[in-house]
Amino acid sequence: MRLLSLLIAALTLSACAGVRDPVVGTGDTTRAGNWQIEKQIDRITGAPLESALLTTPSSHSGEAFPKKATLQLACFNKKPLVRFAFEVKVATTRSNEFGYRFDDRPGHQITANFLGTDKVAVIDDGAAVAQFLGELATAKTLYVRIRSLGFGRTTAEFNVEGAAAAIAATAAHCPPVIEPPKPKRKSRR
C-alpha cells in the first residue's frame, strides 16, 4: 500500500512539471566568462527577450554563512536595467546606501530601488545605468556594498570578465536612455 501511495505521488508531481510555460528557460543560451546570456523571443510581442546573469557568494552582517547573489542585465519596458538579487533581505528603498566599485577605479554611491521583498535592488535610472554599463564593459571585478538601518550590511564581489558580450547581447535592442532632468517646480510663497 505504501509503495502504491509513493507511485501516485510521483506521477502527480511529474504531471505538474508539464504545466510550466514552455518559453521560460528554453531560449538560446550562451556563455561569456561566467556570464550566462539568454536570448528568447517574446510570444506576445515578438520582441527579443535578452538578459545576462552572473552569480557569486555574498556576505551579510546577519548571516553566518555566505548566500547567493545574482547580477542581471536586462531590458524592462524598453529600458535597460541592472538587477541585483539576494537570498536575504538587504534594504528598503527608503533606508539604503548602495555603492559599487569596479576594479581599482573610484566607487559610486547611487540611488537604487528595492522591490517589495527587500531582496532585490534595481538600477533603472538611464544615466546611472549608462555609467554602470560603461565601466562594466572593461572591468574584471565588481564590488557591491549595501547598507541599511533595518537589515545591516551586505557585500558581494563579482568576477565580471566577459561583460562586453553580456552588454552587447542585452543592449542590442535596448540601449540606455538618458532622460533630461525634470524641471524643478517653483515654490509659491
N, C-alpha and C. Protein backbone atom coordinates (compact mmCIF):
# COMPACT_ATOMS: atom_id res chain seq x y z
N MET A 1 0.82 -1.19 0.00
CA MET A 1 0.00 0.00 0.00
C MET A 1 0.87 1.27 0.00
N ARG A 2 1.92 1.23 0.79
CA ARG A 2 2.83 2.38 0.86
C ARG A 2 3.50 2.62 -0.49
N LEU A 3 3.88 1.56 -1.17
CA LEU A 3 4.51 1.67 -2.49
C LEU A 3 3.54 2.29 -3.49
N LEU A 4 2.26 1.93 -3.41
CA LEU A 4 1.24 2.50 -4.30
C LEU A 4 1.07 3.99 -4.03
N SER A 5 1.11 4.41 -2.77
CA SER A 5 1.00 5.83 -2.42
C SER A 5 2.17 6.62 -2.97
N LEU A 6 3.39 6.06 -2.86
CA LEU A 6 4.56 6.74 -3.40
C LEU A 6 4.50 6.85 -4.92
N LEU A 7 4.01 5.80 -5.58
CA LEU A 7 3.88 5.83 -7.04
C LEU A 7 2.88 6.90 -7.47
N ILE A 8 1.76 7.00 -6.79
CA ILE A 8 0.75 8.02 -7.11
C ILE A 8 1.32 9.42 -6.90
N ALA A 9 2.06 9.63 -5.81
CA ALA A 9 2.66 10.94 -5.54
C ALA A 9 3.67 11.30 -6.62
N ALA A 10 4.49 10.33 -7.04
CA ALA A 10 5.48 10.60 -8.09
C ALA A 10 4.81 10.95 -9.41
N LEU A 11 3.75 10.24 -9.76
CA LEU A 11 3.03 10.53 -11.00
C LEU A 11 2.36 11.90 -10.95
N THR A 12 1.82 12.26 -9.80
CA THR A 12 1.19 13.57 -9.64
C THR A 12 2.21 14.69 -9.82
N LEU A 13 3.40 14.54 -9.21
CA LEU A 13 4.44 15.55 -9.33
C LEU A 13 4.96 15.65 -10.76
N SER A 14 5.10 14.53 -11.44
CA SER A 14 5.59 14.58 -12.82
C SER A 14 4.56 15.21 -13.74
N ALA A 15 3.30 15.08 -13.45
CA ALA A 15 2.26 15.72 -14.25
C ALA A 15 2.31 17.23 -14.09
N CYS A 16 2.67 17.71 -12.90
CA CYS A 16 2.78 19.15 -12.66
C CYS A 16 3.92 19.76 -13.45
N ALA A 17 4.94 18.98 -13.74
CA ALA A 17 6.09 19.51 -14.47
C ALA A 17 5.71 19.95 -15.87
N GLY A 18 4.69 19.37 -16.46
CA GLY A 18 4.26 19.74 -17.81
C GLY A 18 3.45 21.02 -17.86
N VAL A 19 3.11 21.60 -16.72
CA VAL A 19 2.29 22.80 -16.67
C VAL A 19 3.11 24.07 -16.91
N ARG A 20 4.41 24.00 -16.77
CA ARG A 20 5.31 25.15 -16.89
C ARG A 20 5.19 25.80 -18.26
N ASP A 21 5.31 27.12 -18.30
CA ASP A 21 5.30 27.86 -19.57
C ASP A 21 6.44 27.35 -20.44
N PRO A 22 6.14 26.92 -21.67
CA PRO A 22 7.19 26.33 -22.50
C PRO A 22 8.26 27.31 -22.95
N VAL A 23 8.03 28.63 -22.84
CA VAL A 23 9.02 29.58 -23.31
C VAL A 23 10.05 29.93 -22.24
N VAL A 24 9.73 29.74 -20.97
CA VAL A 24 10.64 30.11 -19.89
C VAL A 24 11.82 29.14 -19.86
N GLY A 25 13.00 29.69 -20.02
CA GLY A 25 14.20 28.89 -19.94
C GLY A 25 14.49 28.03 -21.15
N THR A 26 13.80 28.24 -22.27
CA THR A 26 14.03 27.39 -23.45
C THR A 26 14.65 28.16 -24.60
N GLY A 27 15.21 29.30 -24.34
CA GLY A 27 15.81 30.10 -25.40
C GLY A 27 17.24 29.68 -25.69
N ASP A 28 17.88 30.46 -26.52
CA ASP A 28 19.28 30.26 -26.87
C ASP A 28 20.13 30.79 -25.72
N THR A 29 20.95 29.93 -25.13
CA THR A 29 21.80 30.32 -24.00
C THR A 29 23.26 30.14 -24.40
N THR A 30 24.05 31.19 -24.17
CA THR A 30 25.48 31.13 -24.42
C THR A 30 26.21 31.60 -23.17
N ARG A 31 27.50 31.38 -23.13
CA ARG A 31 28.31 31.81 -22.00
C ARG A 31 29.42 32.74 -22.49
N ALA A 32 29.74 33.72 -21.66
CA ALA A 32 30.87 34.62 -21.88
C ALA A 32 31.52 34.81 -20.51
N GLY A 33 32.68 34.22 -20.31
CA GLY A 33 33.26 34.23 -18.97
C GLY A 33 32.32 33.45 -18.06
N ASN A 34 31.96 34.03 -16.93
CA ASN A 34 31.00 33.40 -16.02
C ASN A 34 29.55 33.81 -16.31
N TRP A 35 29.36 34.69 -17.29
CA TRP A 35 28.02 35.17 -17.64
C TRP A 35 27.23 34.10 -18.37
N GLN A 36 25.96 34.01 -18.05
CA GLN A 36 25.02 33.18 -18.81
C GLN A 36 24.13 34.16 -19.57
N ILE A 37 24.21 34.13 -20.89
CA ILE A 37 23.46 35.06 -21.73
C ILE A 37 22.29 34.31 -22.35
N GLU A 38 21.08 34.80 -22.10
CA GLU A 38 19.86 34.15 -22.59
C GLU A 38 19.19 35.02 -23.65
N LYS A 39 18.80 34.40 -24.75
CA LYS A 39 18.08 35.10 -25.82
C LYS A 39 16.83 34.31 -26.15
N GLN A 40 15.69 35.00 -26.15
CA GLN A 40 14.41 34.40 -26.49
C GLN A 40 13.60 35.41 -27.29
N ILE A 41 12.49 34.97 -27.81
CA ILE A 41 11.53 35.85 -28.47
C ILE A 41 10.26 35.83 -27.64
N ASP A 42 9.75 37.00 -27.28
CA ASP A 42 8.52 37.13 -26.52
C ASP A 42 7.35 36.63 -27.37
N ARG A 43 6.61 35.69 -26.87
CA ARG A 43 5.49 35.12 -27.62
C ARG A 43 4.33 36.09 -27.76
N ILE A 44 4.26 37.12 -26.96
CA ILE A 44 3.18 38.11 -27.05
C ILE A 44 3.52 39.19 -28.06
N THR A 45 4.70 39.79 -27.93
CA THR A 45 5.06 40.95 -28.76
C THR A 45 5.95 40.61 -29.95
N GLY A 46 6.58 39.46 -29.92
CA GLY A 46 7.53 39.11 -30.97
C GLY A 46 8.88 39.80 -30.80
N ALA A 47 9.04 40.56 -29.75
CA ALA A 47 10.29 41.29 -29.49
C ALA A 47 11.29 40.37 -28.80
N PRO A 48 12.59 40.65 -28.97
CA PRO A 48 13.61 39.85 -28.29
C PRO A 48 13.54 40.04 -26.77
N LEU A 49 13.75 38.96 -26.05
CA LEU A 49 13.88 38.97 -24.58
C LEU A 49 15.29 38.52 -24.28
N GLU A 50 16.15 39.44 -23.93
CA GLU A 50 17.55 39.11 -23.68
C GLU A 50 17.93 39.51 -22.27
N SER A 51 18.71 38.65 -21.65
CA SER A 51 19.25 39.01 -20.34
C SER A 51 20.56 38.27 -20.14
N ALA A 52 21.35 38.76 -19.21
CA ALA A 52 22.61 38.13 -18.87
C ALA A 52 22.68 38.02 -17.35
N LEU A 53 23.08 36.86 -16.87
CA LEU A 53 23.12 36.58 -15.44
C LEU A 53 24.51 36.18 -14.99
N LEU A 54 24.80 36.55 -13.74
CA LEU A 54 26.08 36.21 -13.12
C LEU A 54 25.81 36.00 -11.64
N THR A 55 26.34 34.95 -11.06
CA THR A 55 26.13 34.70 -9.64
C THR A 55 27.47 34.65 -8.90
N THR A 56 27.37 34.93 -7.59
CA THR A 56 28.55 34.89 -6.71
C THR A 56 28.06 34.74 -5.27
N PRO A 57 28.92 34.31 -4.36
CA PRO A 57 28.53 34.32 -2.94
C PRO A 57 28.49 35.76 -2.42
N SER A 58 27.60 36.01 -1.48
CA SER A 58 27.53 37.32 -0.84
C SER A 58 27.69 37.15 0.67
N SER A 59 28.03 38.25 1.32
CA SER A 59 28.20 38.26 2.76
C SER A 59 27.17 39.21 3.35
N HIS A 60 26.54 38.82 4.44
CA HIS A 60 25.53 39.66 5.08
C HIS A 60 25.81 39.69 6.58
N SER A 61 25.72 40.87 7.18
CA SER A 61 26.08 41.01 8.59
C SER A 61 25.20 40.18 9.52
N GLY A 62 24.02 39.77 9.07
CA GLY A 62 23.14 38.98 9.92
C GLY A 62 23.17 37.49 9.63
N GLU A 63 24.05 37.06 8.74
CA GLU A 63 24.11 35.65 8.35
C GLU A 63 25.50 35.09 8.64
N ALA A 64 25.54 33.88 9.16
CA ALA A 64 26.82 33.25 9.48
C ALA A 64 27.52 32.69 8.24
N PHE A 65 26.75 32.32 7.23
CA PHE A 65 27.32 31.68 6.04
C PHE A 65 26.97 32.49 4.79
N PRO A 66 27.81 32.42 3.76
CA PRO A 66 27.54 33.15 2.52
C PRO A 66 26.23 32.71 1.88
N LYS A 67 25.59 33.64 1.22
CA LYS A 67 24.37 33.39 0.46
C LYS A 67 24.61 33.80 -0.98
N LYS A 68 23.80 33.31 -1.89
CA LYS A 68 23.99 33.61 -3.30
C LYS A 68 23.48 35.01 -3.64
N ALA A 69 24.25 35.69 -4.49
CA ALA A 69 23.85 36.99 -5.06
C ALA A 69 23.87 36.84 -6.58
N THR A 70 22.92 37.47 -7.25
CA THR A 70 22.83 37.41 -8.70
C THR A 70 22.83 38.82 -9.27
N LEU A 71 23.62 39.02 -10.30
CA LEU A 71 23.65 40.26 -11.07
C LEU A 71 22.99 39.94 -12.41
N GLN A 72 22.03 40.76 -12.81
CA GLN A 72 21.34 40.55 -14.08
C GLN A 72 21.29 41.85 -14.87
N LEU A 73 21.64 41.75 -16.14
CA LEU A 73 21.44 42.85 -17.08
C LEU A 73 20.22 42.47 -17.91
N ALA A 74 19.26 43.38 -18.02
CA ALA A 74 18.02 43.05 -18.74
C ALA A 74 17.38 44.31 -19.29
N CYS A 75 16.32 44.09 -20.04
CA CYS A 75 15.51 45.17 -20.59
C CYS A 75 14.10 45.01 -20.05
N PHE A 76 13.54 46.07 -19.51
CA PHE A 76 12.17 46.03 -18.98
C PHE A 76 11.46 47.30 -19.41
N ASN A 77 10.31 47.17 -20.01
CA ASN A 77 9.56 48.31 -20.54
C ASN A 77 10.41 49.16 -21.48
N LYS A 78 11.18 48.47 -22.32
CA LYS A 78 12.03 49.09 -23.34
C LYS A 78 13.17 49.93 -22.77
N LYS A 79 13.52 49.71 -21.51
CA LYS A 79 14.63 50.41 -20.87
C LYS A 79 15.56 49.38 -20.23
N PRO A 80 16.87 49.59 -20.37
CA PRO A 80 17.80 48.65 -19.72
C PRO A 80 17.82 48.88 -18.21
N LEU A 81 18.12 47.81 -17.50
CA LEU A 81 18.26 47.92 -16.05
C LEU A 81 19.30 46.94 -15.57
N VAL A 82 19.78 47.22 -14.37
CA VAL A 82 20.73 46.34 -13.70
C VAL A 82 20.02 45.88 -12.43
N ARG A 83 19.96 44.57 -12.24
CA ARG A 83 19.20 43.98 -11.13
C ARG A 83 20.13 43.12 -10.29
N PHE A 84 20.08 43.32 -8.98
CA PHE A 84 20.83 42.51 -8.03
C PHE A 84 19.82 41.78 -7.15
N ALA A 85 19.93 40.47 -7.06
CA ALA A 85 19.02 39.69 -6.22
C ALA A 85 19.83 38.95 -5.16
N PHE A 86 19.29 38.92 -3.96
CA PHE A 86 19.96 38.28 -2.82
C PHE A 86 18.99 37.28 -2.19
N GLU A 87 19.51 36.36 -1.41
CA GLU A 87 18.68 35.36 -0.73
C GLU A 87 18.15 35.85 0.61
N VAL A 88 18.61 37.00 1.07
CA VAL A 88 18.15 37.56 2.33
C VAL A 88 17.72 39.01 2.10
N LYS A 89 16.95 39.54 3.02
CA LYS A 89 16.55 40.94 2.92
C LYS A 89 17.78 41.82 3.12
N VAL A 90 17.95 42.80 2.22
CA VAL A 90 19.16 43.62 2.30
C VAL A 90 18.87 45.10 2.56
N ALA A 91 17.73 45.61 2.12
CA ALA A 91 17.43 47.04 2.32
C ALA A 91 16.04 47.36 1.80
N THR A 92 15.62 48.58 2.10
CA THR A 92 14.38 49.12 1.53
C THR A 92 14.75 50.36 0.73
N THR A 93 13.86 50.80 -0.13
CA THR A 93 14.14 51.99 -0.93
C THR A 93 14.35 53.21 -0.04
N ARG A 94 13.67 53.28 1.08
CA ARG A 94 13.79 54.44 1.97
C ARG A 94 15.00 54.38 2.89
N SER A 95 15.53 53.18 3.12
CA SER A 95 16.65 53.04 4.05
C SER A 95 17.76 52.22 3.40
N ASN A 96 18.58 52.89 2.58
CA ASN A 96 19.69 52.16 2.00
C ASN A 96 20.80 53.10 1.56
N GLU A 97 21.99 52.57 1.54
CA GLU A 97 23.14 53.18 0.88
C GLU A 97 23.64 52.12 -0.08
N PHE A 98 23.59 52.41 -1.37
CA PHE A 98 24.01 51.45 -2.38
C PHE A 98 25.28 51.97 -3.03
N GLY A 99 26.36 51.20 -2.92
CA GLY A 99 27.62 51.60 -3.52
C GLY A 99 28.23 50.46 -4.31
N TYR A 100 28.99 50.83 -5.34
CA TYR A 100 29.69 49.82 -6.12
C TYR A 100 31.01 50.39 -6.62
N ARG A 101 31.91 49.45 -6.96
CA ARG A 101 33.22 49.85 -7.45
C ARG A 101 33.73 48.77 -8.39
N PHE A 102 34.24 49.20 -9.55
CA PHE A 102 34.86 48.29 -10.50
C PHE A 102 36.37 48.35 -10.33
N ASP A 103 37.00 47.18 -10.23
CA ASP A 103 38.45 47.06 -10.12
C ASP A 103 38.99 48.06 -9.10
N ASP A 104 39.99 48.86 -9.47
CA ASP A 104 40.55 49.84 -8.54
C ASP A 104 40.12 51.26 -8.89
N ARG A 105 39.06 51.37 -9.67
CA ARG A 105 38.53 52.70 -10.05
C ARG A 105 37.76 53.31 -8.88
N PRO A 106 37.51 54.61 -8.94
CA PRO A 106 36.70 55.23 -7.88
C PRO A 106 35.30 54.60 -7.80
N GLY A 107 34.81 54.49 -6.59
CA GLY A 107 33.49 53.91 -6.38
C GLY A 107 32.38 54.93 -6.57
N HIS A 108 31.14 54.44 -6.58
CA HIS A 108 29.96 55.29 -6.76
C HIS A 108 28.92 54.96 -5.70
N GLN A 109 28.34 55.98 -5.12
CA GLN A 109 27.16 55.85 -4.26
C GLN A 109 26.00 56.32 -5.12
N ILE A 110 25.02 55.45 -5.38
CA ILE A 110 23.91 55.82 -6.24
C ILE A 110 22.58 55.50 -5.58
N THR A 111 21.52 55.95 -6.22
CA THR A 111 20.17 55.63 -5.75
C THR A 111 19.74 54.34 -6.42
N ALA A 112 19.42 53.36 -5.62
CA ALA A 112 18.89 52.09 -6.13
C ALA A 112 17.49 51.91 -5.55
N ASN A 113 16.63 51.28 -6.30
CA ASN A 113 15.29 50.98 -5.82
C ASN A 113 15.25 49.53 -5.36
N PHE A 114 14.57 49.29 -4.25
CA PHE A 114 14.44 47.94 -3.72
C PHE A 114 13.00 47.51 -3.89
N LEU A 115 12.83 46.30 -4.41
CA LEU A 115 11.50 45.78 -4.69
C LEU A 115 10.86 45.25 -3.43
N GLY A 116 9.59 44.91 -3.50
CA GLY A 116 8.76 44.56 -2.36
C GLY A 116 9.32 43.56 -1.38
N THR A 117 10.13 42.62 -1.84
CA THR A 117 10.66 41.62 -0.92
C THR A 117 11.87 42.11 -0.15
N ASP A 118 12.39 43.29 -0.51
CA ASP A 118 13.59 43.87 0.08
C ASP A 118 14.83 43.03 -0.18
N LYS A 119 14.75 42.09 -1.15
CA LYS A 119 15.87 41.23 -1.52
C LYS A 119 16.41 41.58 -2.90
N VAL A 120 15.75 42.50 -3.59
CA VAL A 120 16.13 42.83 -4.97
C VAL A 120 16.38 44.33 -5.10
N ALA A 121 17.58 44.68 -5.57
CA ALA A 121 17.94 46.08 -5.83
C ALA A 121 17.97 46.29 -7.34
N VAL A 122 17.45 47.43 -7.80
CA VAL A 122 17.39 47.71 -9.22
C VAL A 122 17.97 49.09 -9.50
N ILE A 123 18.89 49.14 -10.48
CA ILE A 123 19.37 50.41 -11.01
C ILE A 123 18.62 50.60 -12.32
N ASP A 124 17.75 51.60 -12.38
CA ASP A 124 16.95 51.79 -13.59
C ASP A 124 16.96 53.22 -14.13
N ASP A 125 17.65 54.11 -13.45
CA ASP A 125 17.81 55.47 -13.95
C ASP A 125 18.75 55.41 -15.16
N GLY A 126 18.33 56.00 -16.29
CA GLY A 126 19.10 55.90 -17.53
C GLY A 126 20.55 56.32 -17.40
N ALA A 127 20.82 57.45 -16.76
CA ALA A 127 22.21 57.92 -16.61
C ALA A 127 23.01 56.96 -15.72
N ALA A 128 22.42 56.48 -14.65
CA ALA A 128 23.12 55.56 -13.75
C ALA A 128 23.38 54.23 -14.44
N VAL A 129 22.42 53.75 -15.25
CA VAL A 129 22.61 52.50 -15.99
C VAL A 129 23.73 52.68 -17.02
N ALA A 130 23.73 53.81 -17.75
CA ALA A 130 24.75 54.07 -18.76
C ALA A 130 26.15 54.11 -18.13
N GLN A 131 26.28 54.78 -16.98
CA GLN A 131 27.56 54.85 -16.29
C GLN A 131 28.00 53.46 -15.84
N PHE A 132 27.08 52.70 -15.26
CA PHE A 132 27.39 51.36 -14.77
C PHE A 132 27.85 50.47 -15.93
N LEU A 133 27.10 50.45 -17.03
CA LEU A 133 27.44 49.60 -18.17
C LEU A 133 28.76 50.04 -18.82
N GLY A 134 29.00 51.35 -18.86
CA GLY A 134 30.24 51.86 -19.44
C GLY A 134 31.47 51.36 -18.69
N GLU A 135 31.39 51.33 -17.37
CA GLU A 135 32.51 50.85 -16.57
C GLU A 135 32.58 49.33 -16.54
N LEU A 136 31.43 48.69 -16.56
CA LEU A 136 31.37 47.23 -16.53
C LEU A 136 32.04 46.61 -17.76
N ALA A 137 31.90 47.25 -18.90
CA ALA A 137 32.38 46.69 -20.17
C ALA A 137 33.85 46.29 -20.15
N THR A 138 34.68 47.01 -19.41
CA THR A 138 36.12 46.73 -19.41
C THR A 138 36.65 46.25 -18.06
N ALA A 139 35.75 45.99 -17.14
CA ALA A 139 36.16 45.63 -15.77
C ALA A 139 36.41 44.13 -15.63
N LYS A 140 37.13 43.79 -14.57
CA LYS A 140 37.35 42.39 -14.22
C LYS A 140 36.56 42.00 -12.97
N THR A 141 36.45 42.95 -12.01
CA THR A 141 35.70 42.66 -10.79
C THR A 141 34.74 43.81 -10.47
N LEU A 142 33.67 43.46 -9.82
CA LEU A 142 32.67 44.42 -9.33
C LEU A 142 32.44 44.12 -7.87
N TYR A 143 32.63 45.13 -7.03
CA TYR A 143 32.35 45.01 -5.60
C TYR A 143 31.11 45.84 -5.30
N VAL A 144 30.11 45.24 -4.67
CA VAL A 144 28.86 45.91 -4.32
C VAL A 144 28.71 45.90 -2.81
N ARG A 145 28.31 47.05 -2.25
CA ARG A 145 28.07 47.15 -0.81
C ARG A 145 26.75 47.86 -0.58
N ILE A 146 25.90 47.23 0.21
CA ILE A 146 24.60 47.81 0.55
C ILE A 146 24.53 47.92 2.07
N ARG A 147 24.18 49.11 2.54
CA ARG A 147 23.98 49.32 3.97
C ARG A 147 22.54 49.73 4.21
N SER A 148 21.96 49.23 5.28
CA SER A 148 20.58 49.54 5.62
C SER A 148 20.42 49.62 7.13
N LEU A 149 19.64 50.57 7.59
CA LEU A 149 19.40 50.67 9.02
C LEU A 149 18.66 49.45 9.55
N GLY A 150 17.76 48.90 8.75
CA GLY A 150 16.96 47.77 9.20
C GLY A 150 17.57 46.40 8.98
N PHE A 151 18.44 46.27 7.98
CA PHE A 151 18.93 44.94 7.63
C PHE A 151 20.44 44.77 7.70
N GLY A 152 21.17 45.78 8.08
CA GLY A 152 22.62 45.64 8.22
C GLY A 152 23.37 45.89 6.93
N ARG A 153 24.50 45.20 6.78
CA ARG A 153 25.37 45.40 5.63
C ARG A 153 25.48 44.12 4.81
N THR A 154 25.44 44.29 3.48
CA THR A 154 25.57 43.17 2.55
C THR A 154 26.65 43.52 1.53
N THR A 155 27.51 42.57 1.21
CA THR A 155 28.53 42.80 0.20
C THR A 155 28.59 41.60 -0.75
N ALA A 156 29.04 41.87 -1.97
CA ALA A 156 29.25 40.81 -2.95
C ALA A 156 30.34 41.26 -3.90
N GLU A 157 31.18 40.33 -4.32
CA GLU A 157 32.21 40.63 -5.30
C GLU A 157 32.02 39.68 -6.48
N PHE A 158 31.78 40.26 -7.65
CA PHE A 158 31.51 39.51 -8.87
C PHE A 158 32.73 39.51 -9.78
N ASN A 159 33.04 38.37 -10.39
CA ASN A 159 34.03 38.29 -11.46
C ASN A 159 33.26 38.60 -12.74
N VAL A 160 33.42 39.80 -13.29
CA VAL A 160 32.60 40.26 -14.42
C VAL A 160 33.28 40.12 -15.77
N GLU A 161 34.38 39.37 -15.84
CA GLU A 161 35.05 39.20 -17.14
C GLU A 161 34.06 38.59 -18.13
N GLY A 162 34.08 39.08 -19.35
CA GLY A 162 33.11 38.66 -20.37
C GLY A 162 31.92 39.58 -20.45
N ALA A 163 31.95 40.66 -19.65
CA ALA A 163 30.80 41.57 -19.59
C ALA A 163 30.51 42.26 -20.91
N ALA A 164 31.53 42.52 -21.73
CA ALA A 164 31.29 43.20 -23.00
C ALA A 164 30.30 42.41 -23.86
N ALA A 165 30.43 41.08 -23.88
CA ALA A 165 29.49 40.25 -24.65
C ALA A 165 28.11 40.27 -24.01
N ALA A 166 28.04 40.28 -22.68
CA ALA A 166 26.75 40.33 -21.99
C ALA A 166 26.04 41.65 -22.27
N ILE A 167 26.80 42.74 -22.25
CA ILE A 167 26.22 44.06 -22.53
C ILE A 167 25.75 44.13 -23.97
N ALA A 168 26.57 43.66 -24.90
CA ALA A 168 26.21 43.69 -26.32
C ALA A 168 24.92 42.92 -26.57
N ALA A 169 24.77 41.78 -25.92
CA ALA A 169 23.57 40.96 -26.12
C ALA A 169 22.33 41.62 -25.53
N THR A 170 22.46 42.22 -24.35
CA THR A 170 21.27 42.77 -23.69
C THR A 170 20.93 44.17 -24.15
N ALA A 171 21.92 44.93 -24.63
CA ALA A 171 21.65 46.31 -25.05
C ALA A 171 21.40 46.43 -26.56
N ALA A 172 21.49 45.32 -27.28
CA ALA A 172 21.32 45.37 -28.73
C ALA A 172 19.97 45.96 -29.13
N HIS A 173 18.93 45.59 -28.42
CA HIS A 173 17.58 46.09 -28.72
C HIS A 173 17.06 47.02 -27.63
N CYS A 174 17.95 47.40 -26.71
CA CYS A 174 17.50 48.17 -25.54
C CYS A 174 18.64 49.06 -25.06
N PRO A 175 19.05 50.05 -25.86
CA PRO A 175 20.16 50.91 -25.42
C PRO A 175 19.74 51.81 -24.25
N PRO A 176 20.72 52.21 -23.42
CA PRO A 176 20.39 53.09 -22.30
C PRO A 176 19.78 54.41 -22.78
N VAL A 177 18.75 54.84 -22.12
CA VAL A 177 18.08 56.09 -22.43
C VAL A 177 18.36 57.06 -21.30
N ILE A 178 19.02 58.15 -21.62
CA ILE A 178 19.31 59.15 -20.60
C ILE A 178 18.28 60.26 -20.74
N GLU A 179 17.42 60.34 -19.77
CA GLU A 179 16.35 61.33 -19.81
C GLU A 179 16.84 62.65 -19.27
N PRO A 180 16.40 63.77 -19.88
CA PRO A 180 16.81 65.07 -19.34
C PRO A 180 16.23 65.26 -17.93
N PRO A 181 16.94 66.00 -17.08
CA PRO A 181 16.43 66.21 -15.73
C PRO A 181 15.09 66.95 -15.77
N LYS A 182 14.23 66.57 -14.85
CA LYS A 182 12.92 67.22 -14.77
C LYS A 182 13.09 68.61 -14.18
N PRO A 183 12.38 69.59 -14.75
CA PRO A 183 12.49 70.95 -14.20
C PRO A 183 11.94 71.00 -12.79
N LYS A 184 12.60 71.78 -11.96
CA LYS A 184 12.13 71.92 -10.58
C LYS A 184 10.94 72.84 -10.53
N ARG A 185 10.01 72.49 -9.69
CA ARG A 185 8.81 73.33 -9.53
C ARG A 185 9.16 74.54 -8.72
N LYS A 186 8.61 75.65 -9.13
CA LYS A 186 8.82 76.89 -8.38
C LYS A 186 7.87 76.88 -7.20
N SER A 187 8.39 77.23 -6.04
CA SER A 187 7.53 77.25 -4.86
C SER A 187 6.79 78.58 -4.80
N ARG A 188 5.58 78.48 -4.33
CA ARG A 188 4.76 79.69 -4.17
C ARG A 188 4.86 80.16 -2.73
N ARG A 189 5.15 81.42 -2.58
CA ARG A 189 5.24 81.95 -1.21
C ARG A 189 4.37 83.14 -1.07
